[in-house]
Amino acid sequence: MHTPDPRQLSIQDFAYDLPAERIAPEPLPDRDGSRLLVYRQGAIADHIFRELPEQLPPDALLVFNNTKVVRARLYLHKPTGGQIELFCLEPVAPSRAIEPAMQQTGACVWRCLVGNGKRWKTGAVQATFTTPDGQTAVLEAEREAAEEGSSLIRFRWQPAELPFAQVLAGAGRLPLPPYLNREANPTDDERYQTVYAAHDGAVAAPTAGLHFTERVLQALGARGIQSAQLTLHVGAGTFQPVKAAQMADHAMHSEPISATRQVLRQLIAHAPRPVIAVGTTSLRTLESLYWLGCRVVRGGNLSGVVQQWEPYEHATEVPMQAALQALLDELERRGDDALQASTQLLIAPGYRFRAMQGLITNFHQPESTLLLLIAALIGPGWRRVYDHALANNYRFLSYGDSSLLLP
């Protein structure tokens, strides 16, 4: 069978008609009341999400992304009263790592998107907010440098001992996906987070996890289905459209990932039983761990970024267990409890999965890298799945319904 080179793919081959009214504008009253399309070896069936435990292989390990969405959208004002909008994309100084950046006190520099930027040439803009303990606090921002499509923004705040995570919690607003075309409301503060969110750093939710409730998690445990958690801090690049005619010309965004020694031990011990990724972010993290392990096996450096085309350029094969064991051994040698890296991995038809046997995911935008990933997992059958979902009134995108894909 001919394996396609994903660099030669045309994104136009992954188009479908998504009517605006099929995009879910709000979450359903009950998280686990959403619908669940089950695709099992080519057969499609309709279920409700709370029936997920009965649909999974009884010996499965579910892998969750425990990132937490931060209130990354800030509205500050010039001395003249004009409003400037800042969208925090990634930390730059003093740390580029998300979790230390969230604990930074006093001042920091972030790369941001700037709204109304033409009205803000120089000088500081400010916002006043209330801290969790009721104090009045002030956030100040100055533009340090403009880059292509973004700016470097220096933030300072008082009281200076507040960590930046608390500054965002007090001064910021939740960054809903742009296609919802609305401001966040109090319902979103709860519902645009997973119930197991733990580590501040995402600017978009890992939306496959939004359907899980304590009831569903307990039902999974009662059936003996195990779970593991790792972290990928979802970046704004997840919404970045593919503008290139061929995928070779599309630059994949980079996102920080983290996995503890305990998770690596779980994954090693679970083989050869099935691993099911909860969401495309968990899937990309699992596959990225494999490629980082291959790097160590080959004598390379563990640190750095999994490049978007890296898997397509290595013919040599390393067994999954060997790759994960190499990662674990390297962390133990260093005395590190967790692996910290980044991934630009682009999964498209032609990719061969090593780390998981199934995926729980929402329905994605046409001509997106997420849809390429679905096509890589279930092949041309992705069209039947999406046609079925459209014909049967499934709700699409972040607040939409779910699917369980078992190829």
Protein backbone atom coordinates (compact mmCIF):
# COMPACT_ATOMS: atom_id res chain seq x y z
CA MET A 1 0.00 0.00 0.00
CA HIS A 2 1.31 3.44 -0.91
CA THR A 3 1.96 5.65 2.14
CA PRO A 4 1.38 9.32 1.34
CA ASP A 5 3.99 11.94 2.15
CA PRO A 6 2.06 14.40 4.34
CA ARG A 7 4.16 17.28 3.03
CA GLN A 8 2.53 16.80 -0.37
CA LEU A 9 -1.03 16.89 1.00
CA SER A 10 -3.37 19.67 -0.07
CA ILE A 11 -5.45 21.04 2.81
CA GLN A 12 -8.31 21.56 0.34
CA ASP A 13 -8.77 17.77 0.32
CA PHE A 14 -9.89 18.08 3.95
CA ALA A 15 -12.71 20.56 3.39
CA TYR A 16 -16.34 19.94 4.25
CA ASP A 17 -19.35 22.24 4.58
CA LEU A 18 -19.90 23.27 8.22
CA PRO A 19 -23.03 25.44 8.52
CA ALA A 20 -22.69 28.16 11.18
CA GLU A 21 -25.77 26.86 13.01
CA ARG A 22 -23.99 23.53 13.65
CA ILE A 23 -21.28 25.22 15.76
CA ALA A 24 -22.33 24.89 19.41
CA PRO A 25 -22.44 28.45 20.86
CA GLU A 26 -22.90 27.36 24.50
CA PRO A 27 -22.29 24.20 26.55
CA LEU A 28 -25.21 21.86 27.27
CA PRO A 29 -26.70 21.98 30.80
CA ASP A 30 -24.98 18.67 31.68
CA ARG A 31 -21.40 17.99 30.58
CA ASP A 32 -21.98 14.25 30.17
CA GLY A 33 -25.33 14.72 28.42
CA SER A 34 -23.57 15.47 25.13
CA ARG A 35 -23.82 12.94 22.33
CA LEU A 36 -21.08 10.39 21.61
CA LEU A 37 -20.48 9.04 18.11
CA VAL A 38 -18.68 5.71 18.37
CA TYR A 39 -16.59 4.63 15.35
CA ARG A 40 -15.42 1.06 15.87
CA GLN A 41 -13.49 -0.61 13.02
CA GLY A 42 -15.58 1.19 10.42
CA ALA A 43 -19.00 0.84 12.10
CA ILE A 44 -20.76 3.96 13.43
CA ALA A 45 -23.16 4.02 16.41
CA ASP A 46 -24.84 6.85 18.36
CA HIS A 47 -24.62 7.08 22.15
CA ILE A 48 -24.70 9.60 25.03
CA PHE A 49 -21.37 10.56 26.57
CA ARG A 50 -22.21 9.14 29.99
CA GLU A 51 -22.35 5.73 28.27
CA LEU A 52 -18.61 6.04 27.45
CA PRO A 53 -17.44 3.51 30.11
CA GLU A 54 -19.43 0.69 28.44
CA GLN A 55 -18.02 1.60 25.01
CA LEU A 56 -14.34 1.39 25.96
CA PRO A 57 -12.21 -1.75 25.93
CA PRO A 58 -12.39 -3.03 29.56
CA ASP A 59 -8.59 -3.05 29.90
CA ALA A 60 -8.05 0.47 28.49
CA LEU A 61 -5.87 3.20 29.96
CA LEU A 62 -7.32 6.69 29.40
CA VAL A 63 -4.74 9.47 29.12
CA PHE A 64 -5.96 12.97 30.06
CA ASN A 65 -4.43 16.42 29.51
CA ASN A 66 -4.66 18.23 32.87
CA THR A 67 -3.78 21.73 31.61
CA LYS A 68 -5.85 24.62 32.98
CA VAL A 69 -7.02 27.54 30.86
CA VAL A 70 -5.75 30.91 32.12
CA ARG A 71 -7.63 34.18 31.77
CA ALA A 72 -5.27 35.31 29.03
CA ARG A 73 -7.38 38.15 27.54
CA LEU A 74 -6.61 41.50 29.19
CA TYR A 75 -8.29 44.88 28.73
CA LEU A 76 -6.16 47.86 29.79
CA HIS A 77 -6.66 51.59 29.32
CA LYS A 78 -4.52 54.50 28.17
CA PRO A 79 -4.40 57.65 30.36
CA THR A 80 -6.79 59.22 27.82
CA GLY A 81 -9.27 56.38 28.39
CA GLY A 82 -8.78 54.42 25.15
CA GLN A 83 -9.02 50.64 25.58
CA ILE A 84 -6.21 48.29 24.51
CA GLU A 85 -6.76 44.52 24.35
CA LEU A 86 -3.85 42.14 25.01
CA PHE A 87 -3.97 38.38 24.45
CA CYS A 88 -1.11 36.62 26.28
CA LEU A 89 0.41 33.98 23.99
CA GLU A 90 3.62 32.79 25.66
CA PRO A 91 6.15 33.93 28.29
CA VAL A 92 9.48 35.38 27.14
CA ALA A 93 11.31 36.62 30.29
CA PRO A 94 12.54 35.89 32.89
CA SER A 95 11.37 32.36 32.01
CA ARG A 96 10.07 30.88 28.77
CA ALA A 97 8.63 27.90 30.65
CA ILE A 98 4.92 28.26 31.39
CA GLU A 99 4.74 27.03 34.96
CA PRO A 100 7.63 29.17 36.35
CA ALA A 101 6.21 32.12 34.37
CA MET A 102 2.85 31.68 36.12
CA GLN A 103 4.60 31.92 39.51
CA GLN A 104 6.65 35.00 38.53
CA THR A 105 6.19 38.00 40.83
CA GLY A 106 6.53 41.75 40.22
CA ALA A 107 7.25 41.90 36.48
CA CYS A 108 7.57 39.76 33.36
CA VAL A 109 7.61 39.91 29.55
CA TRP A 110 5.12 38.01 27.37
CA ARG A 111 4.49 37.74 23.66
CA CYS A 112 0.98 39.08 23.08
CA LEU A 113 -1.50 39.82 20.35
CA VAL A 114 -2.53 43.50 20.56
CA GLY A 115 -6.02 44.75 19.74
CA ASN A 116 -6.40 48.45 18.83
CA GLY A 117 -2.61 48.50 18.59
CA LYS A 118 -2.48 51.41 16.14
CA ARG A 119 -3.88 53.62 18.90
CA TRP A 120 -1.06 52.65 21.26
CA LYS A 121 2.34 53.84 20.10
CA THR A 122 4.20 54.45 23.40
CA GLY A 123 3.62 54.78 27.13
CA ALA A 124 1.98 52.52 29.68
CA VAL A 125 -1.57 51.24 29.84
CA GLN A 126 -3.23 50.15 33.08
CA ALA A 127 -5.96 48.00 34.59
CA THR A 128 -7.22 47.92 38.17
CA PHE A 129 -8.47 44.64 39.60
CA THR A 130 -9.29 42.91 42.88
CA THR A 131 -7.09 40.14 44.29
CA PRO A 132 -8.55 36.87 45.68
CA ASP A 133 -8.24 38.29 49.23
CA GLY A 134 -10.05 41.54 48.31
CA GLN A 135 -7.10 43.92 47.82
CA THR A 136 -7.11 46.48 45.03
CA ALA A 137 -4.26 45.77 42.60
CA VAL A 138 -2.88 47.56 39.52
CA LEU A 139 -1.47 45.99 36.36
CA GLU A 140 0.65 48.10 33.99
CA ALA A 141 1.82 47.14 30.50
CA GLU A 142 4.34 48.68 28.10
CA ARG A 143 5.18 47.66 24.56
CA GLU A 144 8.85 46.66 24.27
CA ALA A 145 9.00 45.52 20.65
CA ALA A 146 6.66 44.77 17.78
CA GLU A 147 7.21 41.50 15.91
CA GLU A 148 5.40 39.97 12.97
CA GLY A 149 1.83 39.47 14.13
CA SER A 150 2.58 40.03 17.82
CA SER A 151 4.35 42.29 20.34
CA LEU A 152 6.60 41.81 23.35
CA ILE A 153 4.81 43.33 26.35
CA ARG A 154 6.43 44.10 29.71
CA PHE A 155 4.00 43.73 32.61
CA ARG A 156 4.49 45.21 36.09
CA TRP A 157 2.03 45.01 38.95
CA GLN A 158 1.35 46.00 42.53
CA PRO A 159 1.22 44.31 45.00
CA ALA A 160 4.44 42.93 43.50
CA GLU A 161 4.34 39.74 45.54
CA LEU A 162 1.32 38.46 43.57
CA PRO A 163 2.22 35.59 41.20
CA PHE A 164 1.33 36.31 37.56
CA ALA A 165 -1.28 33.50 37.68
CA GLN A 166 -3.22 35.56 40.25
CA VAL A 167 -2.78 38.71 38.17
CA LEU A 168 -4.39 36.97 35.19
CA ALA A 169 -7.10 35.45 37.42
CA GLY A 170 -8.02 38.92 38.68
CA ALA A 171 -7.45 41.16 35.66
CA GLY A 172 -8.03 38.78 32.76
CA ARG A 173 -10.95 37.17 30.99
CA LEU A 174 -11.28 33.65 29.67
CA PRO A 175 -10.20 33.47 25.99
CA LEU A 176 -13.05 31.73 24.21
CA PRO A 177 -12.39 30.39 20.69
CA PRO A 178 -12.71 33.13 18.04
CA TYR A 179 -15.45 31.27 16.14
CA LEU A 180 -17.85 31.63 19.09
CA ASN A 181 -17.95 35.38 18.40
CA ARG A 182 -18.88 36.32 21.95
CA GLU A 183 -17.38 37.40 25.25
CA ALA A 184 -16.95 34.88 28.05
CA ASN A 185 -19.67 34.80 30.71
CA PRO A 186 -19.76 33.35 34.26
CA THR A 187 -20.94 29.95 32.91
CA ASP A 188 -17.80 29.73 30.74
CA ASP A 189 -15.57 30.25 33.80
CA GLU A 190 -16.66 26.80 34.97
CA ARG A 191 -17.57 25.02 31.73
CA TYR A 192 -14.54 25.99 29.60
CA GLN A 193 -12.35 24.05 32.07
CA THR A 194 -12.16 20.30 32.55
CA VAL A 195 -13.15 19.03 36.01
CA TYR A 196 -9.57 17.71 36.43
CA ALA A 197 -7.70 20.85 35.25
CA ALA A 198 -4.62 21.29 37.45
CA HIS A 199 -1.77 23.22 35.82
CA ASP A 200 -2.19 26.86 34.69
CA GLY A 201 -0.94 27.60 31.20
CA ALA A 202 -3.41 26.93 28.35
CA VAL A 203 -5.10 29.68 26.33
CA ALA A 204 -7.59 27.19 24.87
CA ALA A 205 -9.31 24.25 26.56
CA PRO A 206 -8.48 20.62 25.73
CA THR A 207 -12.13 20.35 24.71
CA ALA A 208 -12.46 16.54 24.51
CA GLY A 209 -12.16 16.57 28.29
CA LEU A 210 -15.04 19.02 28.82
CA HIS A 211 -17.58 16.13 28.70
CA PHE A 212 -16.13 14.29 31.71
CA THR A 213 -17.91 14.54 35.07
CA GLU A 214 -17.14 13.02 38.46
CA ARG A 215 -19.97 10.57 37.71
CA VAL A 216 -18.32 9.40 34.48
CA LEU A 217 -14.86 9.22 36.09
CA GLN A 218 -16.25 7.07 38.92
CA ALA A 219 -18.03 4.79 36.42
CA LEU A 220 -14.75 4.35 34.53
CA GLY A 221 -12.98 3.39 37.75
CA ALA A 222 -15.76 0.95 38.67
CA ARG A 223 -15.18 -0.85 35.35
CA GLY A 224 -11.45 -1.11 36.06
CA ILE A 225 -10.50 1.42 33.37
CA GLN A 226 -7.29 3.13 34.46
CA SER A 227 -6.31 6.75 33.93
CA ALA A 228 -3.12 8.77 33.60
CA GLN A 229 -2.52 12.50 33.33
CA LEU A 230 0.05 14.47 31.39
CA THR A 231 0.18 18.12 30.34
CA LEU A 232 0.16 20.01 27.06
CA HIS A 233 -0.51 23.72 27.45
CA VAL A 234 -2.77 24.44 24.47
CA GLY A 235 -1.66 27.55 22.58
CA ALA A 236 -3.60 30.01 20.41
CA GLY A 237 -1.94 28.33 17.41
CA THR A 238 -4.53 25.56 17.77
CA PHE A 239 -6.94 27.93 15.95
CA GLN A 240 -4.37 28.97 13.34
CA PRO A 241 -5.81 28.31 9.87
CA VAL A 242 -3.79 26.42 7.28
CA LYS A 243 -3.17 28.99 4.55
CA ALA A 244 -0.57 27.06 2.56
CA ALA A 245 -1.69 25.17 -0.55
CA GLN A 246 0.56 22.26 0.44
CA MET A 247 1.26 21.16 4.02
CA ALA A 248 5.02 21.39 3.37
CA ASP A 249 4.58 25.18 3.55
CA HIS A 250 2.58 25.22 6.80
CA ALA A 251 4.53 26.05 9.98
CA MET A 252 3.12 24.13 12.94
CA HIS A 253 2.90 26.01 16.25
CA SER A 254 4.93 24.82 19.26
CA GLU A 255 3.36 23.90 22.61
CA PRO A 256 5.00 22.94 25.93
CA ILE A 257 4.48 19.39 27.19
CA SER A 258 5.22 17.67 30.49
CA ALA A 259 5.05 14.07 31.70
CA THR A 260 6.08 12.68 35.08
CA ARG A 261 8.11 9.54 35.72
CA GLN A 262 4.93 8.02 37.20
CA VAL A 263 3.06 8.45 33.87
CA LEU A 264 5.95 6.88 31.95
CA ARG A 265 5.91 3.91 34.34
CA GLN A 266 2.13 3.58 33.86
CA LEU A 267 2.46 3.58 30.06
CA ILE A 268 5.28 1.02 30.13
CA ALA A 269 3.41 -1.28 32.54
CA HIS A 270 0.14 -1.05 30.58
CA ALA A 271 1.47 -2.45 27.29
CA PRO A 272 0.27 -4.23 25.24
CA ARG A 273 -3.23 -3.30 26.45
CA PRO A 274 -4.98 -0.38 24.67
CA VAL A 275 -4.19 3.26 25.44
CA ILE A 276 -6.97 5.75 24.60
CA ALA A 277 -6.06 9.44 24.32
CA VAL A 278 -8.59 11.95 25.64
CA GLY A 279 -8.26 14.67 23.01
CA THR A 280 -5.86 15.50 20.22
CA THR A 281 -3.56 17.28 22.70
CA SER A 282 -3.12 14.11 24.78
CA LEU A 283 -2.57 12.14 21.57
CA ARG A 284 0.10 14.54 20.29
CA THR A 285 1.81 14.46 23.69
CA LEU A 286 1.88 10.65 23.78
CA GLU A 287 3.30 10.43 20.27
CA SER A 288 5.82 13.19 21.06
CA LEU A 289 7.03 11.20 24.08
CA TYR A 290 7.74 8.32 21.73
CA TRP A 291 9.86 10.53 19.45
CA LEU A 292 11.73 12.05 22.39
CA GLY A 293 12.48 8.50 23.58
CA CYS A 294 13.74 7.57 20.11
CA ARG A 295 16.07 10.55 20.31
CA VAL A 296 17.53 9.27 23.60
CA VAL A 297 17.87 5.71 22.24
CA ARG A 298 19.88 7.11 19.33
CA GLY A 299 22.16 8.96 21.75
CA GLY A 300 20.62 12.38 21.17
CA ASN A 301 19.58 15.13 23.56
CA LEU A 302 16.31 14.86 25.43
CA SER A 303 15.69 18.61 25.55
CA GLY A 304 14.27 20.72 22.75
CA VAL A 305 11.33 20.51 20.41
CA VAL A 306 9.78 17.56 18.58
CA GLN A 307 9.86 19.03 15.07
CA GLN A 308 6.75 18.83 12.92
CA TRP A 309 8.29 16.54 10.26
CA GLU A 310 10.61 14.57 12.58
CA PRO A 311 8.61 11.29 12.42
CA TYR A 312 8.57 11.30 8.63
CA GLU A 313 12.35 11.58 8.36
CA HIS A 314 13.36 8.53 10.45
CA ALA A 315 13.15 5.12 8.79
CA THR A 316 14.67 3.26 11.76
CA GLU A 317 12.13 1.76 14.15
CA VAL A 318 12.40 1.81 17.96
CA PRO A 319 9.86 -0.28 19.94
CA MET A 320 7.46 1.84 21.99
CA GLN A 321 8.50 0.22 25.26
CA ALA A 322 12.18 0.86 24.55
CA ALA A 323 11.52 4.53 23.73
CA LEU A 324 9.56 5.16 26.94
CA GLN A 325 12.07 3.22 29.06
CA ALA A 326 14.89 5.33 27.63
CA LEU A 327 12.99 8.48 28.67
CA LEU A 328 12.39 7.12 32.15
CA ASP A 329 16.04 6.06 32.56
CA GLU A 330 17.21 9.50 31.42
CA LEU A 331 14.93 11.30 33.90
CA GLU A 332 16.16 9.04 36.70
CA ARG A 333 19.78 9.64 35.69
CA ARG A 334 19.18 13.39 35.87
CA GLY A 335 17.18 13.21 39.09
CA ASP A 336 14.22 14.95 37.39
CA ASP A 337 10.70 13.97 38.41
CA ALA A 338 9.15 15.16 35.15
CA LEU A 339 10.10 15.64 31.53
CA GLN A 340 9.69 19.18 30.15
CA ALA A 341 9.80 19.65 26.37
CA SER A 342 7.86 21.17 23.48
CA THR A 343 6.18 19.72 20.44
CA GLN A 344 5.43 20.93 16.93
CA LEU A 345 4.40 17.44 15.85
CA LEU A 346 2.08 17.48 12.83
CA ILE A 347 0.10 14.27 12.50
CA ALA A 348 -1.36 13.75 9.02
CA PRO A 349 -2.21 10.85 6.70
CA GLY A 350 1.01 8.89 6.27
CA TYR A 351 1.74 8.96 10.01
CA ARG A 352 1.90 5.61 11.85
CA PHE A 353 0.72 5.74 15.47
CA ARG A 354 2.95 4.15 18.11
CA ALA A 355 1.61 5.30 21.46
CA MET A 356 -2.19 4.86 21.46
CA GLN A 357 -4.99 2.73 20.02
CA GLY A 358 -7.95 5.11 20.15
CA LEU A 359 -9.09 8.69 20.62
CA ILE A 360 -11.91 10.61 22.30
CA THR A 361 -12.38 13.92 20.49
CA ASN A 362 -14.87 16.60 19.44
CA PHE A 363 -15.65 17.47 15.80
CA HIS A 364 -13.09 19.80 14.22
CA GLN A 365 -13.04 22.67 11.77
CA PRO A 366 -12.71 21.97 8.03
CA GLU A 367 -9.20 22.39 6.55
CA SER A 368 -7.54 22.22 9.99
CA THR A 369 -4.49 20.33 11.24
CA LEU A 370 -6.81 18.63 13.77
CA LEU A 371 -8.86 17.18 10.92
CA LEU A 372 -5.61 15.94 9.31
CA LEU A 373 -4.94 14.08 12.57
CA ILE A 374 -8.39 12.43 12.45
CA ALA A 375 -7.78 11.39 8.82
CA ALA A 376 -4.41 9.92 9.84
CA LEU A 377 -6.14 7.86 12.54
CA ILE A 378 -9.19 6.50 10.69
CA GLY A 379 -8.27 7.09 7.05
CA PRO A 380 -10.79 8.20 4.42
CA GLY A 381 -13.50 7.02 6.85
CA TRP A 382 -13.31 10.46 8.44
CA ARG A 383 -15.75 11.69 5.77
CA ARG A 384 -18.35 9.06 6.72
CA VAL A 385 -17.99 10.03 10.38
CA TYR A 386 -18.45 13.73 9.66
CA ASP A 387 -21.28 13.15 7.16
CA HIS A 388 -23.05 11.04 9.81
CA ALA A 389 -22.55 13.71 12.47
CA LEU A 390 -23.88 16.45 10.16
CA ALA A 391 -26.86 14.36 9.03
CA ASN A 392 -27.76 13.47 12.63
CA ASN A 393 -27.58 16.95 14.19
CA TYR A 394 -24.40 16.55 16.20
CA ARG A 395 -23.04 19.82 17.61
CA PHE A 396 -19.56 20.83 16.42
CA LEU A 397 -16.32 22.38 17.77
CA SER A 398 -15.33 23.31 21.34
CA TYR A 399 -18.73 23.17 23.07
CA GLY A 400 -20.03 20.51 20.70
CA ASP A 401 -20.55 16.76 20.96
CA SER A 402 -17.93 14.01 21.24
CA SER A 403 -16.70 10.97 19.37
CA LEU A 404 -14.84 7.79 20.33
CA LEU A 405 -12.64 6.63 17.45
CA LEU A 406 -11.42 3.02 17.66
CA PRO A 407 -9.79 2.18 14.32
